[in-house]
Amino acid sequence: MPQIKAPRLYLNRCGVFYFRLKTKEKDRKVSFRTKCPVTANIVALQLNAVIERGRAMNIGISVC
């Protein structure tokens, strides 16, 4: 079964996955501290769901 490709998921040159969130002021990157693509994809899809739900409700979600 093919995986769903998660938006905002990036791989650095060392093989570690990051979640990237662009805002007006900054470009925030949060490390998942994993090199496993399956784990990173699952976590990124969950974070995307929370962010998009917040945008739909006009609530500002900040990623620290």
PDB file of N, CA and C in Angstrom:
ATOM      1  N   MET A   1       0.845  -1.178   0.000  1.00  0.00           N
ATOM      2  CA  MET A   1       0.000   0.000   0.000  1.00  0.00           C
ATOM      3  C   MET A   1       0.892   1.243   0.000  1.00  0.00           C
ATOM      4  N   PRO A   2       0.676   2.163  -0.945  1.00  0.00           N
ATOM      5  CA  PRO A   2       1.525   3.361  -0.995  1.00  0.00           C
ATOM      6  C   PRO A   2       1.220   4.319   0.148  1.00  0.00           C
ATOM      7  N   GLN A   3       2.257   5.019   0.585  1.00  0.00           N
ATOM      8  CA  GLN A   3       2.094   5.983   1.670  1.00  0.00           C
ATOM      9  C   GLN A   3       1.580   7.304   1.133  1.00  0.00           C
ATOM     10  N   ILE A   4       0.870   8.028   1.982  1.00  0.00           N
ATOM     11  CA  ILE A   4       0.456   9.384   1.669  1.00  0.00           C
ATOM     12  C   ILE A   4       1.644  10.287   1.956  1.00  0.00           C
ATOM     13  N   LYS A   5       2.019  11.104   0.989  1.00  0.00           N
ATOM     14  CA  LYS A   5       3.149  12.009   1.190  1.00  0.00           C
ATOM     15  C   LYS A   5       2.684  13.206   2.008  1.00  0.00           C
ATOM     16  N   ALA A   6       3.343  13.438   3.112  1.00  0.00           N
ATOM     17  CA  ALA A   6       2.961  14.521   4.019  1.00  0.00           C
ATOM     18  C   ALA A   6       3.570  15.843   3.571  1.00  0.00           C
ATOM     19  N   PRO A   7       2.743  16.894   3.485  1.00  0.00           N
ATOM     20  CA  PRO A   7       3.317  18.206   3.215  1.00  0.00           C
ATOM     21  C   PRO A   7       4.096  18.697   4.432  1.00  0.00           C
ATOM     22  N   ARG A   8       5.004  19.600   4.202  1.00  0.00           N
ATOM     23  CA  ARG A   8       5.824  20.221   5.247  1.00  0.00           C
ATOM     24  C   ARG A   8       6.841  19.265   5.869  1.00  0.00           C
ATOM     25  N   LEU A   9       7.056  18.116   5.277  1.00  0.00           N
ATOM     26  CA  LEU A   9       8.024  17.151   5.789  1.00  0.00           C
ATOM     27  C   LEU A   9       9.290  17.252   4.949  1.00  0.00           C
ATOM     28  N   TYR A  10      10.412  17.479   5.612  1.00  0.00           N
ATOM     29  CA  TYR A  10      11.681  17.649   4.915  1.00  0.00           C
ATOM     30  C   TYR A  10      12.740  16.744   5.513  1.00  0.00           C
ATOM     31  N   LEU A  11      13.673  16.363   4.672  1.00  0.00           N
ATOM     32  CA  LEU A  11      14.778  15.498   5.059  1.00  0.00           C
ATOM     33  C   LEU A  11      16.066  16.297   4.920  1.00  0.00           C
ATOM     34  N   ASN A  12      16.851  16.369   6.002  1.00  0.00           N
ATOM     35  CA  ASN A  12      18.115  17.107   5.886  1.00  0.00           C
ATOM     36  C   ASN A  12      19.190  16.198   5.298  1.00  0.00           C
ATOM     37  N   ARG A  13      20.362  16.740   5.091  1.00  0.00           N
ATOM     38  CA  ARG A  13      21.418  15.990   4.411  1.00  0.00           C
ATOM     39  C   ARG A  13      21.957  14.825   5.230  1.00  0.00           C
ATOM     40  N   CYS A  14      21.692  14.822   6.534  1.00  0.00           N
ATOM     41  CA  CYS A  14      22.143  13.722   7.394  1.00  0.00           C
ATOM     42  C   CYS A  14      21.100  12.619   7.521  1.00  0.00           C
ATOM     43  N   GLY A  15      19.921  12.839   6.939  1.00  0.00           N
ATOM     44  CA  GLY A  15      18.877  11.824   6.963  1.00  0.00           C
ATOM     45  C   GLY A  15      17.848  12.003   8.057  1.00  0.00           C
ATOM     46  N   VAL A  16      17.890  13.124   8.780  1.00  0.00           N
ATOM     47  CA  VAL A  16      16.936  13.386   9.861  1.00  0.00           C
ATOM     48  C   VAL A  16      15.746  14.156   9.289  1.00  0.00           C
ATOM     49  N   PHE A  17      14.540  13.769   9.697  1.00  0.00           N
ATOM     50  CA  PHE A  17      13.332  14.410   9.198  1.00  0.00           C
ATOM     51  C   PHE A  17      12.957  15.624  10.034  1.00  0.00           C
ATOM     52  N   TYR A  18      12.469  16.659   9.343  1.00  0.00           N
ATOM     53  CA  TYR A  18      12.052  17.915   9.957  1.00  0.00           C
ATOM     54  C   TYR A  18      10.650  18.267   9.506  1.00  0.00           C
ATOM     55  N   PHE A  19       9.940  18.984  10.361  1.00  0.00           N
ATOM     56  CA  PHE A  19       8.649  19.561  10.021  1.00  0.00           C
ATOM     57  C   PHE A  19       8.889  21.044   9.811  1.00  0.00           C
ATOM     58  N   ARG A  20       8.489  21.569   8.663  1.00  0.00           N
ATOM     59  CA  ARG A  20       8.765  22.964   8.318  1.00  0.00           C
ATOM     60  C   ARG A  20       7.454  23.732   8.224  1.00  0.00           C
ATOM     61  N   LEU A  21       7.382  24.818   8.979  1.00  0.00           N
ATOM     62  CA  LEU A  21       6.185  25.652   8.987  1.00  0.00           C
ATOM     63  C   LEU A  21       6.578  27.070   8.625  1.00  0.00           C
ATOM     64  N   LYS A  22       6.043  27.560   7.523  1.00  0.00           N
ATOM     65  CA  LYS A  22       6.334  28.919   7.073  1.00  0.00           C
ATOM     66  C   LYS A  22       5.293  29.867   7.656  1.00  0.00           C
ATOM     67  N   THR A  23       5.777  30.937   8.268  1.00  0.00           N
ATOM     68  CA  THR A  23       4.904  31.997   8.753  1.00  0.00           C
ATOM     69  C   THR A  23       5.347  33.296   8.097  1.00  0.00           C
ATOM     70  N   LYS A  24       4.632  34.361   8.378  1.00  0.00           N
ATOM     71  CA  LYS A  24       4.991  35.646   7.783  1.00  0.00           C
ATOM     72  C   LYS A  24       6.351  36.124   8.278  1.00  0.00           C
ATOM     73  N   GLU A  25       6.629  35.889   9.550  1.00  0.00           N
ATOM     74  CA  GLU A  25       7.872  36.385  10.135  1.00  0.00           C
ATOM     75  C   GLU A  25       9.038  35.419   9.956  1.00  0.00           C
ATOM     76  N   LYS A  26       8.782  34.134  10.160  1.00  0.00           N
ATOM     77  CA  LYS A  26       9.875  33.170  10.220  1.00  0.00           C
ATOM     78  C   LYS A  26       9.562  31.906   9.439  1.00  0.00           C
ATOM     79  N   ASP A  27      10.602  31.149   9.250  1.00  0.00           N
ATOM     80  CA  ASP A  27      10.501  29.814   8.690  1.00  0.00           C
ATOM     81  C   ASP A  27      10.924  28.872   9.811  1.00  0.00           C
ATOM     82  N   ARG A  28       9.974  28.212  10.437  1.00  0.00           N
ATOM     83  CA  ARG A  28      10.281  27.374  11.599  1.00  0.00           C
ATOM     84  C   ARG A  28      10.496  25.929  11.173  1.00  0.00           C
ATOM     85  N   LYS A  29      11.515  25.313  11.752  1.00  0.00           N
ATOM     86  CA  LYS A  29      11.800  23.909  11.496  1.00  0.00           C
ATOM     87  C   LYS A  29      11.892  23.190  12.835  1.00  0.00           C
ATOM     88  N   VAL A  30      11.174  22.088  12.931  1.00  0.00           N
ATOM     89  CA  VAL A  30      11.176  21.291  14.154  1.00  0.00           C
ATOM     90  C   VAL A  30      11.663  19.892  13.791  1.00  0.00           C
ATOM     91  N   SER A  31      12.688  19.439  14.476  1.00  0.00           N
ATOM     92  CA  SER A  31      13.239  18.118  14.206  1.00  0.00           C
ATOM     93  C   SER A  31      12.362  17.041  14.828  1.00  0.00           C
ATOM     94  N   PHE A  32      12.130  15.979  14.068  1.00  0.00           N
ATOM     95  CA  PHE A  32      11.426  14.813  14.611  1.00  0.00           C
ATOM     96  C   PHE A  32      12.400  13.868  15.309  1.00  0.00           C
ATOM     97  N   ARG A  33      13.690  14.123  15.147  1.00  0.00           N
ATOM     98  CA  ARG A  33      14.757  13.313  15.748  1.00  0.00           C
ATOM     99  C   ARG A  33      14.637  11.838  15.364  1.00  0.00           C
ATOM    100  N   THR A  34      14.273  11.616  14.113  1.00  0.00           N
ATOM    101  CA  THR A  34      14.176  10.251  13.617  1.00  0.00           C
ATOM    102  C   THR A  34      14.651  10.199  12.176  1.00  0.00           C
ATOM    103  N   LYS A  35      15.162   9.058  11.810  1.00  0.00           N
ATOM    104  CA  LYS A  35      15.545   8.818  10.425  1.00  0.00           C
ATOM    105  C   LYS A  35      14.582   7.843   9.762  1.00  0.00           C
ATOM    106  N   CYS A  36      13.580   7.420  10.503  1.00  0.00           N
ATOM    107  CA  CYS A  36      12.587   6.472   9.991  1.00  0.00           C
ATOM    108  C   CYS A  36      11.519   7.230   9.191  1.00  0.00           C
ATOM    109  N   PRO A  37      11.395   6.957   7.895  1.00  0.00           N
ATOM    110  CA  PRO A  37      10.424   7.693   7.087  1.00  0.00           C
ATOM    111  C   PRO A  37       8.972   7.405   7.460  1.00  0.00           C
ATOM    112  N   VAL A  38       8.680   6.207   7.920  1.00  0.00           N
ATOM    113  CA  VAL A  38       7.302   5.864   8.289  1.00  0.00           C
ATOM    114  C   VAL A  38       6.878   6.645   9.527  1.00  0.00           C
ATOM    115  N   THR A  39       7.722   6.676  10.543  1.00  0.00           N
ATOM    116  CA  THR A  39       7.422   7.423  11.766  1.00  0.00           C
ATOM    117  C   THR A  39       7.289   8.911  11.477  1.00  0.00           C
ATOM    118  N   ALA A  40       8.208   9.451  10.710  1.00  0.00           N
ATOM    119  CA  ALA A  40       8.175  10.881  10.386  1.00  0.00           C
ATOM    120  C   ALA A  40       6.917  11.233   9.602  1.00  0.00           C
ATOM    121  N   ASN A  41       6.516  10.379   8.686  1.00  0.00           N
ATOM    122  CA  ASN A  41       5.327  10.627   7.880  1.00  0.00           C
ATOM    123  C   ASN A  41       4.067  10.629   8.742  1.00  0.00           C
ATOM    124  N   ILE A  42       3.957   9.697   9.665  1.00  0.00           N
ATOM    125  CA  ILE A  42       2.790   9.620  10.547  1.00  0.00           C
ATOM    126  C   ILE A  42       2.695  10.868  11.417  1.00  0.00           C
ATOM    127  N   VAL A  43       3.798  11.272  12.026  1.00  0.00           N
ATOM    128  CA  VAL A  43       3.799  12.447  12.898  1.00  0.00           C
ATOM    129  C   VAL A  43       3.508  13.714  12.093  1.00  0.00           C
ATOM    130  N   ALA A  44       4.078  13.819  10.891  1.00  0.00           N
ATOM    131  CA  ALA A  44       3.844  14.996  10.049  1.00  0.00           C
ATOM    132  C   ALA A  44       2.381  15.085   9.628  1.00  0.00           C
ATOM    133  N   LEU A  45       1.766  13.973   9.293  1.00  0.00           N
ATOM    134  CA  LEU A  45       0.348  13.982   8.923  1.00  0.00           C
ATOM    135  C   LEU A  45      -0.524  14.409  10.098  1.00  0.00           C
ATOM    136  N   GLN A  46      -0.182  13.967  11.299  1.00  0.00           N
ATOM    137  CA  GLN A  46      -0.942  14.372  12.483  1.00  0.00           C
ATOM    138  C   GLN A  46      -0.782  15.863  12.755  1.00  0.00           C
ATOM    139  N   LEU A  47       0.435  16.381  12.651  1.00  0.00           N
ATOM    140  CA  LEU A  47       0.661  17.816  12.858  1.00  0.00           C
ATOM    141  C   LEU A  47      -0.051  18.653  11.797  1.00  0.00           C
ATOM    142  N   ASN A  48      -0.031  18.196  10.558  1.00  0.00           N
ATOM    143  CA  ASN A  48      -0.733  18.904   9.491  1.00  0.00           C
ATOM    144  C   ASN A  48      -2.228  18.965   9.763  1.00  0.00           C
ATOM    145  N   ALA A  49      -2.792  17.879  10.273  1.00  0.00           N
ATOM    146  CA  ALA A  49      -4.221  17.858  10.589  1.00  0.00           C
ATOM    147  C   ALA A  49      -4.552  18.887  11.667  1.00  0.00           C
ATOM    148  N   VAL A  50      -3.719  18.985  12.691  1.00  0.00           N
ATOM    149  CA  VAL A  50      -3.941  19.955  13.767  1.00  0.00           C
ATOM    150  C   VAL A  50      -3.825  21.382  13.239  1.00  0.00           C
ATOM    151  N   ILE A  51      -2.823  21.639  12.428  1.00  0.00           N
ATOM    152  CA  ILE A  51      -2.616  22.990  11.888  1.00  0.00           C
ATOM    153  C   ILE A  51      -3.765  23.388  10.970  1.00  0.00           C
ATOM    154  N   GLU A  52      -4.172  22.495  10.084  1.00  0.00           N
ATOM    155  CA  GLU A  52      -5.259  22.820   9.155  1.00  0.00           C
ATOM    156  C   GLU A  52      -6.590  22.972   9.885  1.00  0.00           C
ATOM    157  N   ARG A  53      -6.811  22.188  10.920  1.00  0.00           N
ATOM    158  CA  ARG A  53      -8.029  22.329  11.726  1.00  0.00           C
ATOM    159  C   ARG A  53      -8.031  23.685  12.422  1.00  0.00           C
ATOM    160  N   GLY A  54      -6.880  24.105  12.928  1.00  0.00           N
ATOM    161  CA  GLY A  54      -6.761  25.415  13.567  1.00  0.00           C
ATOM    162  C   GLY A  54      -6.981  26.546  12.590  1.00  0.00           C
ATOM    163  N   ARG A  55      -6.473  26.405  11.389  1.00  0.00           N
ATOM    164  CA  ARG A  55      -6.686  27.440  10.370  1.00  0.00           C
ATOM    165  C   ARG A  55      -8.157  27.529   9.981  1.00  0.00           C
ATOM    166  N   ALA A  56      -8.822  26.395   9.909  1.00  0.00           N
ATOM    167  CA  ALA A  56     -10.239  26.387   9.556  1.00  0.00           C
ATOM    168  C   ALA A  56     -11.075  27.067  10.634  1.00  0.00           C
ATOM    169  N   MET A  57     -10.613  26.980  11.874  1.00  0.00           N
ATOM    170  CA  MET A  57     -11.337  27.597  12.989  1.00  0.00           C
ATOM    171  C   MET A  57     -10.797  28.989  13.298  1.00  0.00           C
ATOM    172  N   ASN A  58      -9.854  29.480  12.485  1.00  0.00           N
ATOM    173  CA  ASN A  58      -9.226  30.793  12.662  1.00  0.00           C
ATOM    174  C   ASN A  58      -8.533  30.932  14.007  1.00  0.00           C
ATOM    175  N   ILE A  59      -7.861  29.881  14.411  1.00  0.00           N
ATOM    176  CA  ILE A  59      -7.095  29.887  15.658  1.00  0.00           C
ATOM    177  C   ILE A  59      -5.622  29.819  15.281  1.00  0.00           C
ATOM    178  N   GLY A  60      -4.827  30.679  15.871  1.00  0.00           N
ATOM    179  CA  GLY A  60      -3.391  30.657  15.605  1.00  0.00           C
ATOM    180  C   GLY A  60      -2.736  29.508  16.341  1.00  0.00           C
ATOM    181  N   ILE A  61      -2.078  28.628  15.628  1.00  0.00           N
ATOM    182  CA  ILE A  61      -1.363  27.509  16.226  1.00  0.00           C
ATOM    183  C   ILE A  61       0.123  27.819  16.122  1.00  0.00           C
ATOM    184  N   SER A  62       0.816  27.783  17.236  1.00  0.00           N
ATOM    185  CA  SER A  62       2.251  28.032  17.197  1.00  0.00           C
ATOM    186  C   SER A  62       2.995  26.737  17.456  1.00  0.00           C
ATOM    187  N   VAL A  63       4.049  26.537  16.702  1.00  0.00           N
ATOM    188  CA  VAL A  63       4.902  25.369  16.869  1.00  0.00           C
ATOM    189  C   VAL A  63       6.180  25.843  17.530  1.00  0.00           C
ATOM    190  N   CYS A  64       6.456  25.347  18.718  1.00  0.00           N
ATOM    191  CA  CYS A  64       7.642  25.785  19.461  1.00  0.00           C
ATOM    192  C   CYS A  64       8.807  24.878  19.192  1.00  0.00           C
TER     193      CYS A  64
END
